Amino acid sequence: MDRVVWELIRASGISAVLLLTVAVSMGISVNVRALDSLMKRAWVNEAHQFVSLTALAFTLFHLALVVVNRHVPISLGESIVPLSASWRPVALALGTMSLYLSSLLVLSSYFKPLIGHRAWRLIHYAGFAGWGAAIAHGLTAGSDTGVVWMQYLYLLAFGVVMFLTVFRVLAPTRTARQAESVTLASR
């Protein structure tokens, strides 16, 4: 039974990181309209929300399994209070912070009418920190970090998010494109 729990801890952690990467990537892409030609914006938003919720569910499942794991005993308190664990306190704190930031992001979407668009947007920028903390948690606490395929997975996740972020920063805004169109039309 311990072996099954251990494998589920690994699988749920890896799945959570992959799902977070997809959620962050979709969040970035929807703002640069990169997926507009592939599917409707409303679908992208729905998919983004679904993937975010699924990532959070996998993270919570991962946490629950860590608490019941007997191989490396970690209490619920140690798993939810940053830096309180005796086993790899910084690594576990990174996972806890990722959980908190991801939860805040998901909740902010439900409370957007109450908190306003500006606050919602600022909270969403914390998604980068939550995703980064999840990657760092996996690198420092994950038992598969030394395995080549896992290193490639982390590298791919990092590369995709960084590429999309740079693309988003460098891509002209809709207003800039509209202004350019008006200028070209007036020639």
N, C-alpha and C. Protein backbone atom coordinates (compact mmCIF):
# COMPACT_ATOMS: atom_id res chain seq x y z
N MET A 1 0.82 -1.20 0.00
CA MET A 1 0.00 0.00 0.00
C MET A 1 0.86 1.27 0.00
N ASP A 2 1.98 1.22 0.76
CA ASP A 2 2.87 2.38 0.80
C ASP A 2 3.41 2.72 -0.58
N ARG A 3 3.68 1.68 -1.37
CA ARG A 3 4.21 1.89 -2.73
C ARG A 3 3.16 2.60 -3.61
N VAL A 4 1.91 2.23 -3.47
CA VAL A 4 0.82 2.85 -4.24
C VAL A 4 0.70 4.33 -3.86
N VAL A 5 0.74 4.61 -2.57
CA VAL A 5 0.66 6.01 -2.11
C VAL A 5 1.83 6.80 -2.67
N TRP A 6 3.02 6.22 -2.61
CA TRP A 6 4.20 6.91 -3.13
C TRP A 6 4.06 7.21 -4.63
N GLU A 7 3.62 6.25 -5.39
CA GLU A 7 3.44 6.47 -6.84
C GLU A 7 2.36 7.52 -7.10
N LEU A 8 1.30 7.51 -6.32
CA LEU A 8 0.24 8.51 -6.48
C LEU A 8 0.73 9.91 -6.10
N ILE A 9 1.59 10.00 -5.10
CA ILE A 9 2.18 11.30 -4.73
C ILE A 9 2.97 11.85 -5.92
N ARG A 10 3.80 11.01 -6.49
CA ARG A 10 4.61 11.43 -7.65
C ARG A 10 3.72 11.81 -8.82
N ALA A 11 2.76 10.96 -9.14
CA ALA A 11 1.90 11.20 -10.30
C ALA A 11 1.05 12.47 -10.11
N SER A 12 0.50 12.65 -8.92
CA SER A 12 -0.34 13.84 -8.70
C SER A 12 0.50 15.11 -8.70
N GLY A 13 1.72 15.06 -8.19
CA GLY A 13 2.60 16.23 -8.21
C GLY A 13 2.99 16.62 -9.63
N ILE A 14 3.40 15.62 -10.41
CA ILE A 14 3.77 15.88 -11.81
C ILE A 14 2.56 16.38 -12.59
N SER A 15 1.41 15.77 -12.37
CA SER A 15 0.18 16.20 -13.06
C SER A 15 -0.18 17.62 -12.68
N ALA A 16 -0.05 17.96 -11.41
CA ALA A 16 -0.37 19.32 -10.96
C ALA A 16 0.53 20.35 -11.64
N VAL A 17 1.83 20.05 -11.74
CA VAL A 17 2.76 20.98 -12.39
C VAL A 17 2.41 21.13 -13.87
N LEU A 18 2.11 20.03 -14.53
CA LEU A 18 1.74 20.10 -15.95
C LEU A 18 0.45 20.89 -16.14
N LEU A 19 -0.53 20.63 -15.29
CA LEU A 19 -1.81 21.36 -15.40
C LEU A 19 -1.63 22.84 -15.09
N LEU A 20 -0.81 23.17 -14.11
CA LEU A 20 -0.53 24.58 -13.83
C LEU A 20 0.15 25.25 -15.01
N THR A 21 1.06 24.52 -15.65
CA THR A 21 1.74 25.06 -16.83
C THR A 21 0.75 25.33 -17.95
N VAL A 22 -0.17 24.40 -18.17
CA VAL A 22 -1.19 24.60 -19.20
C VAL A 22 -2.09 25.78 -18.82
N ALA A 23 -2.49 25.88 -17.55
CA ALA A 23 -3.36 26.98 -17.11
C ALA A 23 -2.67 28.33 -17.29
N VAL A 24 -1.42 28.43 -16.89
CA VAL A 24 -0.68 29.68 -17.04
C VAL A 24 -0.51 30.01 -18.53
N SER A 25 -0.17 28.99 -19.32
CA SER A 25 0.01 29.20 -20.76
C SER A 25 -1.28 29.69 -21.42
N MET A 26 -2.39 29.09 -21.03
CA MET A 26 -3.68 29.53 -21.59
C MET A 26 -4.02 30.94 -21.15
N GLY A 27 -3.73 31.26 -19.90
CA GLY A 27 -3.98 32.61 -19.40
C GLY A 27 -3.19 33.66 -20.16
N ILE A 28 -1.94 33.35 -20.45
CA ILE A 28 -1.11 34.27 -21.22
C ILE A 28 -1.62 34.35 -22.65
N SER A 29 -1.93 33.21 -23.24
CA SER A 29 -2.34 33.15 -24.64
C SER A 29 -3.64 33.87 -24.90
N VAL A 30 -4.58 33.77 -24.00
CA VAL A 30 -5.87 34.41 -24.22
C VAL A 30 -5.72 35.93 -24.27
N ASN A 31 -4.76 36.46 -23.55
CA ASN A 31 -4.56 37.90 -23.55
C ASN A 31 -3.89 38.41 -24.81
N VAL A 32 -3.13 37.58 -25.49
CA VAL A 32 -2.50 38.01 -26.74
C VAL A 32 -3.29 37.52 -27.94
N ARG A 33 -4.43 36.94 -27.67
CA ARG A 33 -5.32 36.46 -28.72
C ARG A 33 -4.67 35.40 -29.61
N ALA A 34 -3.70 34.69 -29.04
CA ALA A 34 -2.97 33.68 -29.81
C ALA A 34 -3.84 32.51 -30.21
N LEU A 35 -4.88 32.24 -29.43
CA LEU A 35 -5.72 31.10 -29.72
C LEU A 35 -7.01 31.47 -30.45
N ASP A 36 -7.17 32.74 -30.79
CA ASP A 36 -8.41 33.19 -31.44
C ASP A 36 -8.71 32.45 -32.74
N SER A 37 -7.67 32.09 -33.48
CA SER A 37 -7.91 31.40 -34.75
C SER A 37 -8.25 29.92 -34.53
N LEU A 38 -7.94 29.40 -33.35
CA LEU A 38 -8.18 27.99 -33.07
C LEU A 38 -9.54 27.74 -32.42
N MET A 39 -9.95 28.64 -31.55
CA MET A 39 -11.23 28.46 -30.86
C MET A 39 -11.73 29.80 -30.33
N LYS A 40 -12.99 29.81 -29.99
CA LYS A 40 -13.60 31.03 -29.49
C LYS A 40 -13.01 31.42 -28.15
N ARG A 41 -12.88 32.73 -27.94
CA ARG A 41 -12.31 33.27 -26.71
C ARG A 41 -13.06 32.74 -25.48
N ALA A 42 -14.36 32.66 -25.55
CA ALA A 42 -15.15 32.15 -24.41
C ALA A 42 -14.76 30.71 -24.08
N TRP A 43 -14.48 29.92 -25.11
CA TRP A 43 -14.07 28.53 -24.89
C TRP A 43 -12.70 28.48 -24.22
N VAL A 44 -11.80 29.36 -24.67
CA VAL A 44 -10.46 29.42 -24.08
C VAL A 44 -10.57 29.80 -22.60
N ASN A 45 -11.42 30.78 -22.30
CA ASN A 45 -11.61 31.19 -20.91
C ASN A 45 -12.19 30.05 -20.07
N GLU A 46 -13.17 29.35 -20.62
CA GLU A 46 -13.75 28.20 -19.90
C GLU A 46 -12.72 27.10 -19.69
N ALA A 47 -11.96 26.81 -20.73
CA ALA A 47 -10.93 25.78 -20.63
C ALA A 47 -9.86 26.19 -19.61
N HIS A 48 -9.49 27.46 -19.63
CA HIS A 48 -8.51 27.99 -18.69
C HIS A 48 -9.00 27.81 -17.25
N GLN A 49 -10.25 28.13 -17.02
CA GLN A 49 -10.82 28.00 -15.68
C GLN A 49 -10.90 26.52 -15.27
N PHE A 50 -11.32 25.67 -16.18
CA PHE A 50 -11.41 24.23 -15.89
C PHE A 50 -10.04 23.64 -15.57
N VAL A 51 -9.04 23.98 -16.39
CA VAL A 51 -7.69 23.45 -16.16
C VAL A 51 -7.14 23.99 -14.84
N SER A 52 -7.42 25.24 -14.52
CA SER A 52 -6.96 25.81 -13.25
C SER A 52 -7.57 25.07 -12.07
N LEU A 53 -8.87 24.82 -12.13
CA LEU A 53 -9.54 24.07 -11.06
C LEU A 53 -9.00 22.64 -10.96
N THR A 54 -8.76 22.03 -12.10
CA THR A 54 -8.23 20.67 -12.11
C THR A 54 -6.82 20.64 -11.52
N ALA A 55 -6.01 21.62 -11.85
CA ALA A 55 -4.66 21.72 -11.27
C ALA A 55 -4.74 21.87 -9.76
N LEU A 56 -5.66 22.69 -9.29
CA LEU A 56 -5.83 22.88 -7.85
C LEU A 56 -6.28 21.57 -7.19
N ALA A 57 -7.19 20.85 -7.84
CA ALA A 57 -7.65 19.56 -7.30
C ALA A 57 -6.49 18.56 -7.21
N PHE A 58 -5.65 18.50 -8.23
CA PHE A 58 -4.50 17.60 -8.20
C PHE A 58 -3.51 18.01 -7.11
N THR A 59 -3.35 19.32 -6.92
CA THR A 59 -2.46 19.81 -5.87
C THR A 59 -2.97 19.41 -4.50
N LEU A 60 -4.27 19.57 -4.27
CA LEU A 60 -4.87 19.18 -2.99
C LEU A 60 -4.78 17.67 -2.77
N PHE A 61 -4.98 16.89 -3.83
CA PHE A 61 -4.83 15.44 -3.75
C PHE A 61 -3.39 15.08 -3.39
N HIS A 62 -2.43 15.75 -4.03
CA HIS A 62 -1.01 15.56 -3.76
C HIS A 62 -0.72 15.85 -2.28
N LEU A 63 -1.25 16.94 -1.77
CA LEU A 63 -1.05 17.31 -0.37
C LEU A 63 -1.64 16.26 0.58
N ALA A 64 -2.85 15.81 0.29
CA ALA A 64 -3.49 14.79 1.13
C ALA A 64 -2.66 13.50 1.15
N LEU A 65 -2.14 13.12 0.01
CA LEU A 65 -1.32 11.91 -0.06
C LEU A 65 -0.01 12.07 0.71
N VAL A 66 0.57 13.26 0.65
CA VAL A 66 1.81 13.52 1.39
C VAL A 66 1.57 13.35 2.89
N VAL A 67 0.41 13.81 3.35
CA VAL A 67 0.09 13.72 4.77
C VAL A 67 -0.12 12.27 5.21
N VAL A 68 -0.71 11.43 4.37
CA VAL A 68 -0.95 10.03 4.76
C VAL A 68 0.26 9.13 4.48
N ASN A 69 1.24 9.63 3.77
CA ASN A 69 2.43 8.87 3.44
C ASN A 69 3.21 8.52 4.73
N ARG A 70 3.60 7.27 4.86
CA ARG A 70 4.34 6.86 6.06
C ARG A 70 5.84 6.82 5.82
N HIS A 71 6.27 6.88 4.57
CA HIS A 71 7.70 6.82 4.24
C HIS A 71 8.42 8.06 4.75
N VAL A 72 7.89 9.23 4.45
CA VAL A 72 8.41 10.50 4.95
C VAL A 72 7.25 11.16 5.70
N PRO A 73 7.23 11.01 7.01
CA PRO A 73 6.09 11.54 7.77
C PRO A 73 6.07 13.07 7.81
N ILE A 74 5.01 13.64 7.25
CA ILE A 74 4.80 15.09 7.24
C ILE A 74 3.38 15.31 7.72
N SER A 75 3.23 16.08 8.78
CA SER A 75 1.89 16.32 9.34
C SER A 75 1.16 17.35 8.51
N LEU A 76 -0.14 17.43 8.72
CA LEU A 76 -0.95 18.43 8.03
C LEU A 76 -0.44 19.83 8.36
N GLY A 77 -0.13 20.06 9.63
CA GLY A 77 0.40 21.37 10.04
C GLY A 77 1.69 21.72 9.31
N GLU A 78 2.59 20.74 9.21
CA GLU A 78 3.85 20.98 8.51
C GLU A 78 3.63 21.24 7.03
N SER A 79 2.59 20.65 6.49
CA SER A 79 2.35 20.81 5.05
C SER A 79 1.63 22.11 4.71
N ILE A 80 0.98 22.74 5.69
CA ILE A 80 0.27 23.98 5.37
C ILE A 80 0.87 25.23 6.02
N VAL A 81 1.83 25.03 6.92
CA VAL A 81 2.52 26.18 7.54
C VAL A 81 3.93 26.23 6.95
N PRO A 82 4.21 27.22 6.13
CA PRO A 82 5.52 27.30 5.48
C PRO A 82 6.68 27.29 6.48
N LEU A 83 7.70 26.54 6.14
CA LEU A 83 8.97 26.43 6.88
C LEU A 83 8.85 25.72 8.22
N SER A 84 7.72 25.05 8.47
CA SER A 84 7.56 24.35 9.75
C SER A 84 7.94 22.87 9.68
N ALA A 85 8.16 22.35 8.49
CA ALA A 85 8.46 20.93 8.32
C ALA A 85 9.91 20.64 8.71
N SER A 86 10.13 19.46 9.21
CA SER A 86 11.50 19.06 9.53
C SER A 86 12.22 18.50 8.30
N TRP A 87 11.45 17.97 7.34
CA TRP A 87 12.02 17.42 6.11
C TRP A 87 11.94 18.48 5.01
N ARG A 88 13.05 18.93 4.51
CA ARG A 88 13.16 19.90 3.41
C ARG A 88 12.17 21.06 3.57
N PRO A 89 12.34 21.85 4.62
CA PRO A 89 11.36 22.90 4.91
C PRO A 89 11.18 23.93 3.79
N VAL A 90 12.25 24.32 3.12
CA VAL A 90 12.13 25.31 2.04
C VAL A 90 11.40 24.70 0.85
N ALA A 91 11.74 23.47 0.51
CA ALA A 91 11.09 22.80 -0.61
C ALA A 91 9.59 22.65 -0.37
N LEU A 92 9.22 22.25 0.85
CA LEU A 92 7.80 22.12 1.17
C LEU A 92 7.11 23.47 1.23
N ALA A 93 7.81 24.49 1.72
CA ALA A 93 7.23 25.83 1.77
C ALA A 93 6.92 26.34 0.35
N LEU A 94 7.77 26.00 -0.60
CA LEU A 94 7.51 26.39 -1.99
C LEU A 94 6.21 25.75 -2.50
N GLY A 95 6.01 24.48 -2.17
CA GLY A 95 4.77 23.81 -2.56
C GLY A 95 3.56 24.43 -1.88
N THR A 96 3.70 24.76 -0.60
CA THR A 96 2.61 25.39 0.14
C THR A 96 2.27 26.75 -0.45
N MET A 97 3.30 27.54 -0.76
CA MET A 97 3.06 28.86 -1.34
C MET A 97 2.39 28.75 -2.72
N SER A 98 2.79 27.75 -3.48
CA SER A 98 2.14 27.53 -4.77
C SER A 98 0.67 27.21 -4.58
N LEU A 99 0.36 26.37 -3.61
CA LEU A 99 -1.04 26.04 -3.31
C LEU A 99 -1.82 27.29 -2.91
N TYR A 100 -1.25 28.09 -2.03
CA TYR A 100 -1.95 29.30 -1.58
C TYR A 100 -2.18 30.28 -2.72
N LEU A 101 -1.15 30.49 -3.53
CA LEU A 101 -1.30 31.44 -4.64
C LEU A 101 -2.29 30.92 -5.68
N SER A 102 -2.24 29.63 -5.96
CA SER A 102 -3.18 29.04 -6.92
C SER A 102 -4.61 29.14 -6.40
N SER A 103 -4.79 28.89 -5.12
CA SER A 103 -6.12 28.99 -4.52
C SER A 103 -6.63 30.43 -4.58
N LEU A 104 -5.75 31.37 -4.28
CA LEU A 104 -6.12 32.79 -4.35
C LEU A 104 -6.55 33.18 -5.76
N LEU A 105 -5.83 32.69 -6.75
CA LEU A 105 -6.17 32.99 -8.14
C LEU A 105 -7.54 32.45 -8.51
N VAL A 106 -7.78 31.19 -8.18
CA VAL A 106 -9.06 30.57 -8.52
C VAL A 106 -10.19 31.31 -7.80
N LEU A 107 -10.03 31.59 -6.53
CA LEU A 107 -11.06 32.30 -5.78
C LEU A 107 -11.29 33.71 -6.31
N SER A 108 -10.23 34.37 -6.73
CA SER A 108 -10.38 35.74 -7.23
C SER A 108 -11.28 35.80 -8.46
N SER A 109 -11.26 34.75 -9.25
CA SER A 109 -12.12 34.74 -10.45
C SER A 109 -13.59 34.69 -10.07
N TYR A 110 -13.90 34.00 -8.99
CA TYR A 110 -15.29 33.93 -8.54
C TYR A 110 -15.74 35.22 -7.86
N PHE A 111 -14.78 35.96 -7.31
CA PHE A 111 -15.10 37.20 -6.61
C PHE A 111 -14.75 38.44 -7.42
N LYS A 112 -14.49 38.27 -8.70
CA LYS A 112 -14.10 39.40 -9.55
C LYS A 112 -15.11 40.55 -9.51
N PRO A 113 -16.42 40.28 -9.52
CA PRO A 113 -17.36 41.41 -9.43
C PRO A 113 -17.22 42.20 -8.12
N LEU A 114 -16.81 41.54 -7.07
CA LEU A 114 -16.65 42.23 -5.78
C LEU A 114 -15.33 42.98 -5.66
N ILE A 115 -14.26 42.38 -6.20
CA ILE A 115 -12.93 42.99 -6.03
C ILE A 115 -12.55 43.90 -7.18
N GLY A 116 -13.23 43.80 -8.29
CA GLY A 116 -12.94 44.65 -9.44
C GLY A 116 -11.88 44.05 -10.35
N HIS A 117 -11.88 44.54 -11.58
CA HIS A 117 -10.98 44.02 -12.61
C HIS A 117 -9.52 44.29 -12.28
N ARG A 118 -9.24 45.48 -11.79
CA ARG A 118 -7.85 45.85 -11.50
C ARG A 118 -7.23 44.93 -10.43
N ALA A 119 -7.94 44.73 -9.33
CA ALA A 119 -7.45 43.85 -8.27
C ALA A 119 -7.34 42.42 -8.78
N TRP A 120 -8.33 42.00 -9.56
CA TRP A 120 -8.31 40.65 -10.13
C TRP A 120 -7.07 40.47 -11.00
N ARG A 121 -6.76 41.46 -11.82
CA ARG A 121 -5.59 41.39 -12.71
C ARG A 121 -4.31 41.31 -11.89
N LEU A 122 -4.19 42.14 -10.86
CA LEU A 122 -2.98 42.12 -10.02
C LEU A 122 -2.81 40.75 -9.35
N ILE A 123 -3.91 40.19 -8.88
CA ILE A 123 -3.85 38.86 -8.26
C ILE A 123 -3.42 37.83 -9.30
N HIS A 124 -3.89 38.00 -10.52
CA HIS A 124 -3.53 37.04 -11.56
C HIS A 124 -2.04 37.08 -11.92
N TYR A 125 -1.41 38.22 -11.75
CA TYR A 125 0.04 38.26 -11.97
C TYR A 125 0.77 37.38 -10.96
N ALA A 126 0.15 37.13 -9.82
CA ALA A 126 0.73 36.22 -8.82
C ALA A 126 0.76 34.78 -9.35
N GLY A 127 0.01 34.52 -10.42
CA GLY A 127 0.02 33.20 -11.04
C GLY A 127 1.42 32.79 -11.48
N PHE A 128 2.20 33.76 -11.93
CA PHE A 128 3.58 33.45 -12.32
C PHE A 128 4.38 32.97 -11.11
N ALA A 129 4.19 33.64 -9.98
CA ALA A 129 4.90 33.25 -8.75
C ALA A 129 4.43 31.87 -8.27
N GLY A 130 3.12 31.62 -8.34
CA GLY A 130 2.59 30.32 -7.93
C GLY A 130 3.10 29.20 -8.81
N TRP A 131 3.12 29.45 -10.11
CA TRP A 131 3.64 28.46 -11.05
C TRP A 131 5.14 28.24 -10.81
N GLY A 132 5.88 29.33 -10.65
CA GLY A 132 7.31 29.22 -10.39
C GLY A 132 7.61 28.48 -9.10
N ALA A 133 6.79 28.72 -8.07
CA ALA A 133 6.96 28.02 -6.79
C ALA A 133 6.69 26.52 -6.96
N ALA A 134 5.72 26.19 -7.80
CA ALA A 134 5.43 24.77 -8.05
C ALA A 134 6.60 24.08 -8.76
N ILE A 135 7.16 24.77 -9.74
CA ILE A 135 8.33 24.23 -10.45
C ILE A 135 9.49 24.06 -9.46
N ALA A 136 9.75 25.10 -8.67
CA ALA A 136 10.85 25.05 -7.70
C ALA A 136 10.61 23.96 -6.66
N HIS A 137 9.35 23.78 -6.23
CA HIS A 137 9.02 22.72 -5.28
C HIS A 137 9.34 21.35 -5.89
N GLY A 138 8.94 21.16 -7.14
CA GLY A 138 9.24 19.89 -7.80
C GLY A 138 10.72 19.64 -7.95
N LEU A 139 11.46 20.69 -8.28
CA LEU A 139 12.91 20.55 -8.44
C LEU A 139 13.62 20.24 -7.13
N THR A 140 13.10 20.78 -6.02
CA THR A 140 13.79 20.62 -4.74
C THR A 140 13.24 19.48 -3.88
N ALA A 141 11.99 19.07 -4.12
CA ALA A 141 11.40 18.02 -3.30
C ALA A 141 11.08 16.76 -4.10
N GLY A 142 10.99 16.88 -5.40
CA GLY A 142 10.59 15.75 -6.22
C GLY A 142 11.64 14.67 -6.31
N SER A 143 11.20 13.45 -6.18
CA SER A 143 12.14 12.32 -6.24
C SER A 143 12.60 12.02 -7.67
N ASP A 144 11.91 12.59 -8.65
CA ASP A 144 12.26 12.34 -10.05
C ASP A 144 13.10 13.45 -10.67
N THR A 145 13.50 14.43 -9.88
CA THR A 145 14.24 15.58 -10.41
C THR A 145 15.51 15.17 -11.13
N GLY A 146 16.18 14.14 -10.66
CA GLY A 146 17.42 13.70 -11.29
C GLY A 146 17.25 12.87 -12.54
N VAL A 147 16.01 12.50 -12.86
CA VAL A 147 15.74 11.68 -14.03
C VAL A 147 15.65 12.59 -15.26
N VAL A 148 16.29 12.16 -16.33
CA VAL A 148 16.40 12.99 -17.53
C VAL A 148 15.03 13.42 -18.07
N TRP A 149 14.07 12.50 -18.16
CA TRP A 149 12.77 12.87 -18.73
C TRP A 149 12.08 13.93 -17.88
N MET A 150 12.29 13.91 -16.57
CA MET A 150 11.68 14.91 -15.71
C MET A 150 12.37 16.26 -15.89
N GLN A 151 13.66 16.24 -16.07
CA GLN A 151 14.39 17.48 -16.33
C GLN A 151 13.92 18.12 -17.63
N TYR A 152 13.69 17.28 -18.64
CA TYR A 152 13.17 17.79 -19.90
C TYR A 152 11.74 18.34 -19.73
N LEU A 153 10.97 17.70 -18.90
CA LEU A 153 9.61 18.16 -18.65
C LEU A 153 9.62 19.54 -17.99
N TYR A 154 10.48 19.72 -16.99
CA TYR A 154 10.61 21.03 -16.34
C TYR A 154 11.11 22.07 -17.33
N LEU A 155 12.08 21.69 -18.13
CA LEU A 155 12.64 22.61 -19.12
C LEU A 155 11.59 23.00 -20.15
N LEU A 156 10.80 22.05 -20.59
CA LEU A 156 9.73 22.33 -21.55
C LEU A 156 8.69 23.26 -20.93
N ALA A 157 8.28 22.97 -19.70
CA ALA A 157 7.30 23.81 -19.01
C ALA A 157 7.82 25.23 -18.88
N PHE A 158 9.06 25.36 -18.44
CA PHE A 158 9.67 26.68 -18.28
C PHE A 158 9.76 27.39 -19.64
N GLY A 159 10.20 26.67 -20.66
CA GLY A 159 10.35 27.26 -21.99
C GLY A 159 9.04 27.75 -22.57
N VAL A 160 7.99 26.97 -22.43
CA VAL A 160 6.68 27.36 -22.97
C VAL A 160 6.18 28.63 -22.29
N VAL A 161 6.23 28.66 -20.97
CA VAL A 161 5.73 29.83 -20.25
C VAL A 161 6.59 31.06 -20.55
N MET A 162 7.90 30.90 -20.61
CA MET A 162 8.76 32.05 -20.90
C MET A 162 8.55 32.54 -22.33
N PHE A 163 8.42 31.61 -23.29
CA PHE A 163 8.18 32.02 -24.67
C PHE A 163 6.89 32.82 -24.78
N LEU A 164 5.82 32.30 -24.18
CA LEU A 164 4.53 33.00 -24.25
C LEU A 164 4.57 34.34 -23.53
N THR A 165 5.31 34.41 -22.43
CA THR A 165 5.44 35.67 -21.70
C THR A 165 6.17 36.71 -22.54
N VAL A 166 7.28 36.32 -23.14
CA VAL A 166 8.03 37.24 -24.00
C VAL A 166 7.17 37.64 -25.20
N PHE A 167 6.48 36.68 -25.78
CA PHE A 167 5.60 36.98 -26.92
C PHE A 167 4.53 37.99 -26.50
N ARG A 168 3.95 37.79 -25.33
CA ARG A 168 2.92 38.70 -24.84
C ARG A 168 3.47 40.10 -24.62
N VAL A 169 4.66 40.19 -24.06
CA VAL A 169 5.26 41.50 -23.80
C VAL A 169 5.61 42.21 -25.11
N LEU A 170 6.11 41.46 -26.07
CA LEU A 170 6.55 42.07 -27.33
C LEU A 170 5.44 42.24 -28.36
N ALA A 171 4.37 41.49 -28.24
CA ALA A 171 3.28 41.58 -29.21
C ALA A 171 2.60 42.94 -29.09
N PRO A 172 2.31 43.56 -30.22
CA PRO A 172 1.61 44.84 -30.15
C PRO A 172 0.21 44.67 -29.56
N THR A 173 -0.21 45.65 -28.82
CA THR A 173 -1.55 45.59 -28.24
C THR A 173 -2.59 45.80 -29.31
N ARG A 174 -3.82 45.49 -28.99
CA ARG A 174 -4.91 45.67 -29.94
C ARG A 174 -5.03 47.14 -30.35
N THR A 175 -4.86 48.04 -29.38
CA THR A 175 -4.93 49.49 -29.67
C THR A 175 -3.83 49.89 -30.63
N ALA A 176 -2.62 49.36 -30.43
CA ALA A 176 -1.51 49.68 -31.32
C ALA A 176 -1.78 49.16 -32.73
N ARG A 177 -2.34 47.97 -32.83
CA ARG A 177 -2.67 47.41 -34.16
C ARG A 177 -3.75 48.24 -34.84
N GLN A 178 -4.74 48.68 -34.07
CA GLN A 178 -5.81 49.50 -34.64
C GLN A 178 -5.25 50.83 -35.12
N ALA A 179 -4.36 51.44 -34.35
CA ALA A 179 -3.76 52.72 -34.73
C ALA A 179 -2.93 52.55 -35.99
N GLU A 180 -2.21 51.45 -36.10
CA GLU A 180 -1.39 51.17 -37.28
C GLU A 180 -2.30 50.99 -38.50
N SER A 181 -3.44 50.31 -38.33
CA SER A 181 -4.37 50.11 -39.42
C SER A 181 -4.94 51.44 -39.91
N VAL A 182 -5.25 52.32 -38.99
CA VAL A 182 -5.78 53.64 -39.35
C VAL A 182 -4.74 54.44 -40.10
N THR A 183 -3.49 54.37 -39.64
CA THR A 183 -2.40 55.09 -40.30
C THR A 183 -2.18 54.57 -41.71
N LEU A 184 -2.19 53.24 -41.87
CA LEU A 184 -2.00 52.67 -43.20
C LEU A 184 -3.16 53.00 -44.12
N ALA A 185 -4.37 53.01 -43.58
CA ALA A 185 -5.55 53.31 -44.39
C ALA A 185 -5.59 54.76 -44.83
N SER A 186 -5.00 55.65 -44.06
CA SER A 186 -5.05 57.08 -44.42
C SER A 186 -3.98 57.47 -45.43
N ARG A 187 -3.11 56.56 -45.77
CA ARG A 187 -2.03 56.89 -46.75
C ARG A 187 -2.54 56.88 -48.14
